[in-house]
Amino acid sequence: MDDWHELIGAYLPLVHERVRGITAGLPAYVDVDEITAAGVYALVVSAEACKEHDGYSFWRFAKPRLEKAILAAAAAERGRFMTDARPKAPPPYKVYVVPQSSQAIDNRLPDATPSTEEIVLGRERLRTVRAEIDRLPVRLRKILTGRFLQHRHIADLAAELGISDSRVFQLSTQAVDRLRDRVAARERL
């Protein structure tokens, strides 16, 4: 078990380095954490699968799998905000290794069950976010709720509001920034 943790710990910085290299050229809306999660998942699965292939160098075994997972996740993240008129990226996280049972993987992961305090704080934060959404100007509120809560396409919102797609994207970014600032200010109180 300790060897497994040491192996993951030794190669984890290489995953982060590769993700930083790939995401440097991607748009700002790309979620780097999702891409990193794909790389870490591929690293964990590769570590398990490499045990069964004695004689292989771990890095030679894991590197192509990590590359495929990270590139697929980056492509999916880049395509996430495209409208239906543009082609969608392939689904992420295709890792070509020996499958493991979910119970075997779960046994190695820390317990992610939230504590009572975390649940209460999460509910309080949700109330704060809802209150701050209600305080936004009508146009920003429509864009924010339409885009992120109702999962509507940017083109649909643009047509409804009589503005361009790029303006909807700009306003949604502005609404998220304003909401983030207001929630942070309330939490500091």
C-alpha atoms as a PDB file:
ATOM      1  CA  MET A   1       0.000   0.000   0.000  1.00  0.00           C
ATOM      2  CA  ASP A   2       2.822   2.438   0.873  1.00  0.00           C
ATOM      3  CA  ASP A   3       4.634   1.612  -2.391  1.00  0.00           C
ATOM      4  CA  TRP A   4       1.466   2.470  -4.296  1.00  0.00           C
ATOM      5  CA  HIS A   5       1.150   5.852  -2.540  1.00  0.00           C
ATOM      6  CA  GLU A   6       4.828   6.610  -3.099  1.00  0.00           C
ATOM      7  CA  LEU A   7       4.514   5.749  -6.789  1.00  0.00           C
ATOM      8  CA  ILE A   8       1.482   8.013  -7.225  1.00  0.00           C
ATOM      9  CA  GLY A   9       3.152  10.782  -5.200  1.00  0.00           C
ATOM     10  CA  ALA A  10       6.327  10.569  -7.263  1.00  0.00           C
ATOM     11  CA  TYR A  11       4.547  10.932 -10.615  1.00  0.00           C
ATOM     12  CA  LEU A  12       1.761  13.335  -9.597  1.00  0.00           C
ATOM     13  CA  PRO A  13       3.911  16.446 -10.277  1.00  0.00           C
ATOM     14  CA  LEU A  14       4.481  15.185 -13.832  1.00  0.00           C
ATOM     15  CA  VAL A  15       0.722  14.999 -14.349  1.00  0.00           C
ATOM     16  CA  HIS A  16       0.305  18.589 -13.117  1.00  0.00           C
ATOM     17  CA  GLU A  17       3.202  19.742 -15.304  1.00  0.00           C
ATOM     18  CA  ARG A  18       1.694  18.118 -18.402  1.00  0.00           C
ATOM     19  CA  VAL A  19      -1.740  19.609 -17.667  1.00  0.00           C
ATOM     20  CA  ARG A  20      -0.193  23.089 -17.279  1.00  0.00           C
ATOM     21  CA  GLY A  21       1.591  22.636 -20.601  1.00  0.00           C
ATOM     22  CA  ILE A  22      -1.578  21.673 -22.435  1.00  0.00           C
ATOM     23  CA  THR A  23      -3.898  24.228 -20.822  1.00  0.00           C
ATOM     24  CA  ALA A  24      -1.569  27.161 -21.479  1.00  0.00           C
ATOM     25  CA  GLY A  25      -2.955  27.477 -25.001  1.00  0.00           C
ATOM     26  CA  LEU A  26      -6.621  26.845 -24.158  1.00  0.00           C
ATOM     27  CA  PRO A  27      -9.343  29.473 -23.565  1.00  0.00           C
ATOM     28  CA  ALA A  28      -9.840  30.868 -20.049  1.00  0.00           C
ATOM     29  CA  TYR A  29     -13.213  29.139 -19.571  1.00  0.00           C
ATOM     30  CA  VAL A  30     -11.578  25.678 -19.602  1.00  0.00           C
ATOM     31  CA  ASP A  31     -11.793  23.958 -16.205  1.00  0.00           C
ATOM     32  CA  VAL A  32      -8.203  22.922 -15.451  1.00  0.00           C
ATOM     33  CA  ASP A  33      -9.346  20.835 -12.463  1.00  0.00           C
ATOM     34  CA  GLU A  34     -11.368  18.541 -14.739  1.00  0.00           C
ATOM     35  CA  ILE A  35      -8.364  17.956 -16.964  1.00  0.00           C
ATOM     36  CA  THR A  36      -6.127  17.340 -13.939  1.00  0.00           C
ATOM     37  CA  ALA A  37      -8.688  14.887 -12.538  1.00  0.00           C
ATOM     38  CA  ALA A  38      -8.536  12.899 -15.782  1.00  0.00           C
ATOM     39  CA  GLY A  39      -4.744  12.760 -15.550  1.00  0.00           C
ATOM     40  CA  VAL A  40      -4.764  11.716 -11.893  1.00  0.00           C
ATOM     41  CA  TYR A  41      -7.366   9.047 -12.583  1.00  0.00           C
ATOM     42  CA  ALA A  42      -5.255   7.676 -15.439  1.00  0.00           C
ATOM     43  CA  LEU A  43      -2.197   7.689 -13.142  1.00  0.00           C
ATOM     44  CA  VAL A  44      -4.023   5.708 -10.429  1.00  0.00           C
ATOM     45  CA  VAL A  45      -5.445   3.174 -12.875  1.00  0.00           C
ATOM     46  CA  SER A  46      -2.055   2.822 -14.596  1.00  0.00           C
ATOM     47  CA  ALA A  47      -0.339   2.201 -11.256  1.00  0.00           C
ATOM     48  CA  GLU A  48      -2.740  -0.632 -10.557  1.00  0.00           C
ATOM     49  CA  ALA A  49      -2.465  -2.112 -14.041  1.00  0.00           C
ATOM     50  CA  CYS A  50       1.335  -1.877 -14.116  1.00  0.00           C
ATOM     51  CA  LYS A  51       1.571  -4.252 -11.140  1.00  0.00           C
ATOM     52  CA  GLU A  52       0.345  -7.029 -13.413  1.00  0.00           C
ATOM     53  CA  HIS A  53       2.946  -6.272 -16.106  1.00  0.00           C
ATOM     54  CA  ASP A  54       6.222  -7.010 -14.373  1.00  0.00           C
ATOM     55  CA  GLY A  55       9.321  -5.900 -16.200  1.00  0.00           C
ATOM     56  CA  TYR A  56       7.836  -2.668 -17.575  1.00  0.00           C
ATOM     57  CA  SER A  57       9.075   0.727 -16.540  1.00  0.00           C
ATOM     58  CA  PHE A  58       6.123   2.419 -14.870  1.00  0.00           C
ATOM     59  CA  TRP A  59       6.608   5.696 -16.718  1.00  0.00           C
ATOM     60  CA  ARG A  60       6.834   3.942 -20.112  1.00  0.00           C
ATOM     61  CA  PHE A  61       3.657   2.092 -19.237  1.00  0.00           C
ATOM     62  CA  ALA A  62       1.716   5.085 -17.848  1.00  0.00           C
ATOM     63  CA  LYS A  63       2.830   7.959 -20.092  1.00  0.00           C
ATOM     64  CA  PRO A  64       0.739   7.125 -23.208  1.00  0.00           C
ATOM     65  CA  ARG A  65      -2.314   6.452 -21.059  1.00  0.00           C
ATOM     66  CA  LEU A  66      -1.896   9.755 -19.223  1.00  0.00           C
ATOM     67  CA  GLU A  67      -1.422  11.621 -22.510  1.00  0.00           C
ATOM     68  CA  LYS A  68      -4.603  10.150 -23.985  1.00  0.00           C
ATOM     69  CA  ALA A  69      -6.670  10.900 -20.880  1.00  0.00           C
ATOM     70  CA  ILE A  70      -5.371  14.465 -20.500  1.00  0.00           C
ATOM     71  CA  LEU A  71      -5.792  15.303 -24.199  1.00  0.00           C
ATOM     72  CA  ALA A  72      -9.305  13.830 -24.302  1.00  0.00           C
ATOM     73  CA  ALA A  73     -10.321  15.809 -21.206  1.00  0.00           C
ATOM     74  CA  ALA A  74      -8.805  19.006 -22.652  1.00  0.00           C
ATOM     75  CA  ALA A  75     -10.712  18.512 -25.908  1.00  0.00           C
ATOM     76  CA  ALA A  76     -13.949  17.907 -24.000  1.00  0.00           C
ATOM     77  CA  GLU A  77     -13.437  20.987 -21.829  1.00  0.00           C
ATOM     78  CA  ARG A  78     -12.646  23.147 -24.856  1.00  0.00           C
ATOM     79  CA  GLY A  79     -15.808  21.961 -26.599  1.00  0.00           C
ATOM     80  CA  ARG A  80     -18.017  22.346 -23.525  1.00  0.00           C
ATOM     81  CA  PHE A  81     -19.130  25.925 -24.309  1.00  0.00           C
ATOM     82  CA  MET A  82     -19.595  25.495 -28.045  1.00  0.00           C
ATOM     83  CA  THR A  83     -23.062  25.901 -29.525  1.00  0.00           C
ATOM     84  CA  ASP A  84     -24.807  23.050 -31.323  1.00  0.00           C
ATOM     85  CA  ALA A  85     -23.689  24.442 -34.688  1.00  0.00           C
ATOM     86  CA  ARG A  86     -20.080  23.513 -33.907  1.00  0.00           C
ATOM     87  CA  PRO A  87     -18.744  19.958 -33.569  1.00  0.00           C
ATOM     88  CA  LYS A  88     -18.571  18.484 -30.088  1.00  0.00           C
ATOM     89  CA  ALA A  89     -15.421  16.977 -28.625  1.00  0.00           C
ATOM     90  CA  PRO A  90     -15.278  13.223 -27.935  1.00  0.00           C
ATOM     91  CA  PRO A  91     -16.112  12.056 -24.414  1.00  0.00           C
ATOM     92  CA  PRO A  92     -13.199  12.364 -21.968  1.00  0.00           C
ATOM     93  CA  TYR A  93     -11.382   9.866 -19.778  1.00  0.00           C
ATOM     94  CA  LYS A  94     -10.743   7.007 -22.176  1.00  0.00           C
ATOM     95  CA  VAL A  95      -7.995   5.066 -20.420  1.00  0.00           C
ATOM     96  CA  TYR A  96      -6.787   1.845 -21.981  1.00  0.00           C
ATOM     97  CA  VAL A  97      -5.783  -0.387 -19.065  1.00  0.00           C
ATOM     98  CA  VAL A  98      -6.987  -3.479 -17.277  1.00  0.00           C
ATOM     99  CA  PRO A  99     -10.358  -2.627 -15.664  1.00  0.00           C
ATOM    100  CA  GLN A 100     -10.590  -2.539 -11.883  1.00  0.00           C
ATOM    101  CA  SER A 101     -13.673  -2.966  -9.762  1.00  0.00           C
ATOM    102  CA  SER A 102     -15.057   0.228  -8.271  1.00  0.00           C
ATOM    103  CA  GLN A 103     -14.755  -1.331  -4.811  1.00  0.00           C
ATOM    104  CA  ALA A 104     -11.009  -1.890  -5.310  1.00  0.00           C
ATOM    105  CA  ILE A 105     -10.548   1.757  -6.272  1.00  0.00           C
ATOM    106  CA  ASP A 106     -12.859   3.014  -3.483  1.00  0.00           C
ATOM    107  CA  ASN A 107     -10.803   1.152  -0.887  1.00  0.00           C
ATOM    108  CA  ARG A 108      -7.753   3.224  -1.807  1.00  0.00           C
ATOM    109  CA  LEU A 109      -9.485   6.610  -1.810  1.00  0.00           C
ATOM    110  CA  PRO A 110     -10.045   8.685   1.327  1.00  0.00           C
ATOM    111  CA  ASP A 111     -13.591   8.941   2.686  1.00  0.00           C
ATOM    112  CA  ALA A 112     -15.289  11.836   0.901  1.00  0.00           C
ATOM    113  CA  THR A 113     -18.458  11.837   2.994  1.00  0.00           C
ATOM    114  CA  PRO A 114     -19.061  15.408   4.185  1.00  0.00           C
ATOM    115  CA  SER A 115     -19.348  16.121   7.876  1.00  0.00           C
ATOM    116  CA  THR A 116     -22.474  17.668   9.405  1.00  0.00           C
ATOM    117  CA  GLU A 117     -20.666  20.985   9.633  1.00  0.00           C
ATOM    118  CA  GLU A 118     -19.762  20.864   5.933  1.00  0.00           C
ATOM    119  CA  ILE A 119     -23.383  20.084   5.017  1.00  0.00           C
ATOM    120  CA  VAL A 120     -24.687  23.005   7.083  1.00  0.00           C
ATOM    121  CA  LEU A 121     -22.078  25.376   5.619  1.00  0.00           C
ATOM    122  CA  GLY A 122     -22.930  24.184   2.099  1.00  0.00           C
ATOM    123  CA  ARG A 123     -26.631  24.844   2.624  1.00  0.00           C
ATOM    124  CA  GLU A 124     -25.892  28.284   4.044  1.00  0.00           C
ATOM    125  CA  ARG A 125     -23.701  29.096   1.053  1.00  0.00           C
ATOM    126  CA  LEU A 126     -26.450  27.933  -1.299  1.00  0.00           C
ATOM    127  CA  ARG A 127     -28.920  30.281   0.416  1.00  0.00           C
ATOM    128  CA  THR A 128     -26.408  33.111   0.054  1.00  0.00           C
ATOM    129  CA  VAL A 129     -25.908  32.381  -3.657  1.00  0.00           C
ATOM    130  CA  ARG A 130     -29.675  32.285  -4.268  1.00  0.00           C
ATOM    131  CA  ALA A 131     -30.146  35.602  -2.451  1.00  0.00           C
ATOM    132  CA  GLU A 132     -27.343  37.226  -4.443  1.00  0.00           C
ATOM    133  CA  ILE A 133     -28.729  35.913  -7.741  1.00  0.00           C
ATOM    134  CA  ASP A 134     -32.026  37.629  -6.883  1.00  0.00           C
ATOM    135  CA  ARG A 135     -30.128  40.901  -6.309  1.00  0.00           C
ATOM    136  CA  LEU A 136     -28.519  40.884  -9.784  1.00  0.00           C
ATOM    137  CA  PRO A 137     -29.912  43.183 -12.502  1.00  0.00           C
ATOM    138  CA  VAL A 138     -32.705  41.555 -14.506  1.00  0.00           C
ATOM    139  CA  ARG A 139     -30.645  41.035 -17.679  1.00  0.00           C
ATOM    140  CA  LEU A 140     -27.694  39.438 -15.843  1.00  0.00           C
ATOM    141  CA  ARG A 141     -30.082  37.312 -13.771  1.00  0.00           C
ATOM    142  CA  LYS A 142     -31.810  36.038 -16.950  1.00  0.00           C
ATOM    143  CA  ILE A 143     -28.491  35.137 -18.549  1.00  0.00           C
ATOM    144  CA  LEU A 144     -27.095  33.496 -15.402  1.00  0.00           C
ATOM    145  CA  THR A 145     -30.182  31.420 -14.670  1.00  0.00           C
ATOM    146  CA  GLY A 146     -30.762  30.563 -18.328  1.00  0.00           C
ATOM    147  CA  ARG A 147     -27.194  29.504 -18.957  1.00  0.00           C
ATOM    148  CA  PHE A 148     -26.216  27.744 -15.745  1.00  0.00           C
ATOM    149  CA  LEU A 149     -29.452  26.705 -14.032  1.00  0.00           C
ATOM    150  CA  GLN A 150     -31.678  25.967 -17.023  1.00  0.00           C
ATOM    151  CA  HIS A 151     -28.760  24.795 -19.238  1.00  0.00           C
ATOM    152  CA  ARG A 152     -29.922  26.821 -22.233  1.00  0.00           C
ATOM    153  CA  HIS A 153     -27.658  27.456 -25.200  1.00  0.00           C
ATOM    154  CA  ILE A 154     -25.967  30.801 -25.649  1.00  0.00           C
ATOM    155  CA  ALA A 155     -27.571  31.194 -29.082  1.00  0.00           C
ATOM    156  CA  ASP A 156     -31.078  30.765 -27.602  1.00  0.00           C
ATOM    157  CA  LEU A 157     -30.431  33.386 -24.927  1.00  0.00           C
ATOM    158  CA  ALA A 158     -28.942  35.764 -27.508  1.00  0.00           C
ATOM    159  CA  ALA A 159     -32.008  35.443 -29.736  1.00  0.00           C
ATOM    160  CA  GLU A 160     -34.358  35.998 -26.792  1.00  0.00           C
ATOM    161  CA  LEU A 161     -32.485  39.082 -25.561  1.00  0.00           C
ATOM    162  CA  GLY A 162     -31.740  40.462 -29.033  1.00  0.00           C
ATOM    163  CA  ILE A 163     -27.957  40.539 -28.577  1.00  0.00           C
ATOM    164  CA  SER A 164     -25.022  38.626 -30.063  1.00  0.00           C
ATOM    165  CA  ASP A 165     -23.707  35.292 -28.794  1.00  0.00           C
ATOM    166  CA  SER A 166     -20.429  36.877 -27.769  1.00  0.00           C
ATOM    167  CA  ARG A 167     -22.268  39.550 -25.764  1.00  0.00           C
ATOM    168  CA  VAL A 168     -24.219  36.842 -23.907  1.00  0.00           C
ATOM    169  CA  PHE A 169     -20.925  35.123 -23.099  1.00  0.00           C
ATOM    170  CA  GLN A 170     -19.415  38.426 -21.892  1.00  0.00           C
ATOM    171  CA  LEU A 171     -22.451  39.193 -19.739  1.00  0.00           C
ATOM    172  CA  SER A 172     -22.496  35.682 -18.276  1.00  0.00           C
ATOM    173  CA  THR A 173     -18.836  36.060 -17.311  1.00  0.00           C
ATOM    174  CA  GLN A 174     -19.638  39.447 -15.784  1.00  0.00           C
ATOM    175  CA  ALA A 175     -22.595  37.978 -13.866  1.00  0.00           C
ATOM    176  CA  VAL A 176     -20.485  35.116 -12.494  1.00  0.00           C
ATOM    177  CA  ASP A 177     -17.731  37.525 -11.438  1.00  0.00           C
ATOM    178  CA  ARG A 178     -20.222  39.855  -9.773  1.00  0.00           C
ATOM    179  CA  LEU A 179     -21.927  36.932  -8.031  1.00  0.00           C
ATOM    180  CA  ARG A 180     -18.588  35.526  -6.857  1.00  0.00           C
ATOM    181  CA  ASP A 181     -17.560  38.923  -5.438  1.00  0.00           C
ATOM    182  CA  ARG A 182     -20.879  39.424  -3.647  1.00  0.00           C
ATOM    183  CA  VAL A 183     -20.866  35.942  -2.112  1.00  0.00           C
ATOM    184  CA  ALA A 184     -17.253  36.377  -0.953  1.00  0.00           C
ATOM    185  CA  ALA A 185     -18.132  39.746   0.593  1.00  0.00           C
ATOM    186  CA  ARG A 186     -21.087  38.245   2.483  1.00  0.00           C
ATOM    187  CA  GLU A 187     -18.978  35.346   3.730  1.00  0.00           C
ATOM    188  CA  ARG A 188     -16.389  37.764   5.133  1.00  0.00           C
ATOM    189  CA  LEU A 189     -19.053  39.408   7.313  1.00  0.00           C
END
